[in-house]
C-alpha atoms as a PDB file:
ATOM      1  CA  ILE A   1     178.967 205.859 -11.798  1.00  0.00           C
ATOM      2  CA  SER A   2     179.578 202.247 -10.037  1.00  0.00           C
ATOM      3  CA  VAL A   3     181.976 200.048 -11.520  1.00  0.00           C
ATOM      4  CA  PHE A   4     179.035 197.518 -12.247  1.00  0.00           C
ATOM      5  CA  ASN A   5     177.322 200.380 -14.152  1.00  0.00           C
ATOM      6  CA  ALA A   6     180.277 201.328 -16.164  1.00  0.00           C
ATOM      7  CA  ILE A   7     181.231 197.558 -17.343  1.00  0.00           C
ATOM      8  CA  LYS A   8     177.356 197.551 -18.171  1.00  0.00           C
ATOM      9  CA  ALA A   9     177.534 200.513 -20.102  1.00  0.00           C
ATOM     10  CA  VAL A  10     180.514 199.223 -22.329  1.00  0.00           C
ATOM     11  CA  THR A  11     178.793 195.863 -22.782  1.00  0.00           C
ATOM     12  CA  LEU A  12     175.292 195.639 -22.654  1.00  0.00           C
ATOM     13  CA  GLY A  13     174.761 199.264 -23.114  1.00  0.00           C
ATOM     14  CA  ALA A  14     176.679 199.548 -26.538  1.00  0.00           C
ATOM     15  CA  ALA A  15     175.176 196.035 -27.777  1.00  0.00           C
ATOM     16  CA  TYR A  16     171.672 197.794 -27.107  1.00  0.00           C
ATOM     17  CA  ASN A  17     172.700 201.185 -28.906  1.00  0.00           C
ATOM     18  CA  MET A  18     173.883 198.760 -31.943  1.00  0.00           C
ATOM     19  CA  HIS A  19     170.347 197.052 -31.565  1.00  0.00           C
ATOM     20  CA  GLU A  20     172.669 193.803 -31.291  1.00  0.00           C
ATOM     21  CA  GLU A  21     171.659 193.040 -27.187  1.00  0.00           C
ATOM     22  CA  HIS A  22     170.184 189.474 -29.235  1.00  0.00           C
ATOM     23  CA  ARG A  23     173.845 188.403 -29.841  1.00  0.00           C
ATOM     24  CA  LEU A  24     176.313 190.777 -28.011  1.00  0.00           C
ATOM     25  CA  GLY A  25     176.651 192.280 -24.688  1.00  0.00           C
ATOM     26  CA  THR A  26     176.171 189.367 -22.197  1.00  0.00           C
ATOM     27  CA  LEU A  27     177.624 186.245 -21.889  1.00  0.00           C
ATOM     28  CA  LYS A  28     174.895 183.651 -22.497  1.00  0.00           C
ATOM     29  CA  VAL A  29     174.734 180.496 -24.694  1.00  0.00           C
ATOM     30  CA  GLY A  30     174.137 181.346 -28.489  1.00  0.00           C
ATOM     31  CA  LYS A  31     175.778 184.780 -28.030  1.00  0.00           C
ATOM     32  CA  LYS A  32     179.428 185.730 -29.468  1.00  0.00           C
ATOM     33  CA  ALA A  33     181.530 186.075 -26.797  1.00  0.00           C
ATOM     34  CA  ASP A  34     184.913 188.199 -26.880  1.00  0.00           C
ATOM     35  CA  TYR A  35     186.272 188.971 -23.722  1.00  0.00           C
ATOM     36  CA  VAL A  36     189.520 189.660 -21.639  1.00  0.00           C
ATOM     37  CA  ILE A  37     191.124 188.027 -18.976  1.00  0.00           C
ATOM     38  CA  LEU A  38     192.335 189.855 -16.250  1.00  0.00           C
ATOM     39  CA  LYS A  39     194.792 189.968 -13.618  1.00  0.00           C
ATOM     40  CA  GLU A  40     192.828 191.501 -10.614  1.00  0.00           C
ATOM     41  CA  ASN A  41     188.886 191.872 -10.151  1.00  0.00           C
ATOM     42  CA  PRO A  42     187.661 195.013 -11.087  1.00  0.00           C
ATOM     43  CA  PHE A  43     184.538 194.766  -8.860  1.00  0.00           C
ATOM     44  CA  THR A  44     187.179 194.344  -5.644  1.00  0.00           C
ATOM     45  CA  ILE A  45     190.006 196.643  -6.148  1.00  0.00           C
ATOM     46  CA  ASP A  46     189.993 200.642  -5.808  1.00  0.00           C
ATOM     47  CA  PRO A  47     188.226 201.841  -8.532  1.00  0.00           C
ATOM     48  CA  MET A  48     191.179 204.517  -9.275  1.00  0.00           C
ATOM     49  CA  LYS A  49     193.224 201.439  -9.834  1.00  0.00           C
ATOM     50  CA  ILE A  50     191.235 199.955 -12.672  1.00  0.00           C
ATOM     51  CA  LYS A  51     192.674 201.583 -15.248  1.00  0.00           C
ATOM     52  CA  ASP A  52     196.358 199.859 -13.953  1.00  0.00           C
ATOM     53  CA  ILE A  53     194.765 196.132 -14.196  1.00  0.00           C
ATOM     54  CA  LYS A  54     196.933 193.970 -16.443  1.00  0.00           C
ATOM     55  CA  ILE A  55     195.263 192.141 -19.675  1.00  0.00           C
ATOM     56  CA  LEU A  56     196.552 188.495 -19.034  1.00  0.00           C
ATOM     57  CA  GLY A  57     194.743 187.603 -22.236  1.00  0.00           C
ATOM     58  CA  THR A  58     191.639 187.948 -24.920  1.00  0.00           C
ATOM     59  CA  VAL A  59     189.384 185.466 -26.383  1.00  0.00           C
ATOM     60  CA  PHE A  60     188.274 187.083 -29.788  1.00  0.00           C
ATOM     61  CA  GLU A  61     186.067 184.869 -32.268  1.00  0.00           C
ATOM     62  CA  GLY A  62     186.426 181.778 -30.316  1.00  0.00           C
ATOM     63  CA  LYS A  63     190.181 182.097 -30.435  1.00  0.00           C
ATOM     64  CA  SER A  64     192.741 182.692 -27.366  1.00  0.00           C
ATOM     65  CA  PHE A  65     195.355 185.228 -27.274  1.00  0.00           C
ATOM     66  CA  PRO A  66     197.301 185.015 -24.469  1.00  0.00           C
ATOM     67  CA  LEU A  67     199.551 188.547 -23.558  1.00  0.00           C
ATOM     68  CA  ASN A  68     202.633 187.133 -24.270  1.00  0.00           C
ATOM     69  CA  LYS A  69     202.026 186.425 -27.657  1.00  0.00           C
ATOM     70  CA  LEU A  70     200.500 189.865 -28.317  1.00  0.00           C
ATOM     71  CA  ASN A  71     203.599 191.424 -27.460  1.00  0.00           C
END
């Protein structure tokens, strides 16, 4: 499976399976946008190294959580 299809499966695919694609799964005005900020781009690195990407922060329900505040 490609990196694109894997990410799509856990975002838009998951929203579709829950019948929530109208409000979840993609970044679009009016939709809920919880996401992570990654140190590296999963589309440009070796797919075997995706599991090692560091998370710099998270945005959840409109609130930003830098990684150093989570530790």
